[in-house]
Amino acid sequence: MTNRPATAKVVRVNDNCGLGKINPIDHERATGILAIHRSCDPPCPRKAAAQAWLDKQEKR
């Protein structure tokens, strides 16, 4: 986690950003979520969950 100044702008796309649980999930859905949430900075829970799922699949 990075330390951001209190005045740093948080950008969200307003597409269920707060929902970190994605069920069901597969490769196509995870990559789609990453595309939609590309501009979320810092990464929203939904973007982070999709990326974590993809990272876990790569390690298999």
Protein backbone atom coordinates (compact mmCIF):
# COMPACT_ATOMS: atom_id res chain seq x y z
CA MET A 1 0.00 0.00 0.00
CA THR A 2 1.33 3.41 -0.93
CA ASN A 3 1.20 6.45 1.27
CA ARG A 4 -0.89 9.04 -0.52
CA PRO A 5 -1.28 12.62 0.61
CA ALA A 6 -4.62 13.34 2.27
CA THR A 7 -5.43 15.64 -0.63
CA ALA A 8 -4.72 13.00 -3.30
CA LYS A 9 -7.57 12.48 -5.73
CA VAL A 10 -9.22 9.05 -5.69
CA VAL A 11 -10.68 8.05 -9.06
CA ARG A 12 -13.45 5.45 -9.30
CA VAL A 13 -15.58 4.32 -12.26
CA ASN A 14 -18.66 3.65 -10.08
CA ASP A 15 -19.16 0.07 -11.28
CA ASN A 16 -19.48 -1.78 -7.97
CA CYS A 17 -15.99 -0.64 -7.01
CA GLY A 18 -16.59 -1.45 -3.35
CA LEU A 19 -17.44 -5.09 -4.02
CA GLY A 20 -14.28 -7.14 -3.67
CA LYS A 21 -16.06 -10.49 -3.99
CA ILE A 22 -16.58 -11.56 -7.60
CA ASN A 23 -18.58 -14.75 -8.05
CA PRO A 24 -18.52 -16.49 -10.44
CA ILE A 25 -15.16 -15.50 -11.90
CA ASP A 26 -13.19 -16.79 -14.83
CA HIS A 27 -10.38 -15.42 -16.99
CA GLU A 28 -12.68 -13.54 -19.36
CA ARG A 29 -14.61 -11.88 -16.54
CA ALA A 30 -11.47 -10.97 -14.58
CA THR A 31 -9.82 -9.34 -17.60
CA GLY A 32 -13.07 -7.50 -18.40
CA ILE A 33 -13.25 -6.14 -14.87
CA LEU A 34 -9.65 -4.95 -15.13
CA ALA A 35 -10.48 -3.19 -18.40
CA ILE A 36 -13.52 -1.44 -16.90
CA HIS A 37 -11.68 -0.50 -13.72
CA ARG A 38 -8.43 0.52 -15.41
CA SER A 39 -8.81 4.13 -14.22
CA CYS A 40 -9.51 3.28 -10.55
CA ASP A 41 -6.60 4.82 -8.68
CA PRO A 42 -5.72 3.60 -6.16
CA PRO A 43 -7.05 0.19 -7.22
CA CYS A 44 -10.58 -0.37 -5.93
CA PRO A 45 -11.47 -3.65 -4.16
CA ARG A 46 -13.08 -5.04 -7.35
CA LYS A 47 -10.00 -4.32 -9.49
CA ALA A 48 -7.71 -5.73 -6.79
CA ALA A 49 -9.79 -8.92 -6.50
CA ALA A 50 -9.77 -9.51 -10.26
CA GLN A 51 -6.00 -8.95 -10.41
CA ALA A 52 -5.41 -11.25 -7.43
CA TRP A 53 -7.50 -13.99 -9.08
CA LEU A 54 -5.50 -13.69 -12.32
CA ASP A 55 -2.21 -13.71 -10.41
CA LYS A 56 -3.28 -16.88 -8.57
CA GLN A 57 -4.19 -18.58 -11.85
CA GLU A 58 -0.78 -17.77 -13.34
CA LYS A 59 0.93 -19.54 -10.43
CA ARG A 60 -0.95 -22.81 -11.10
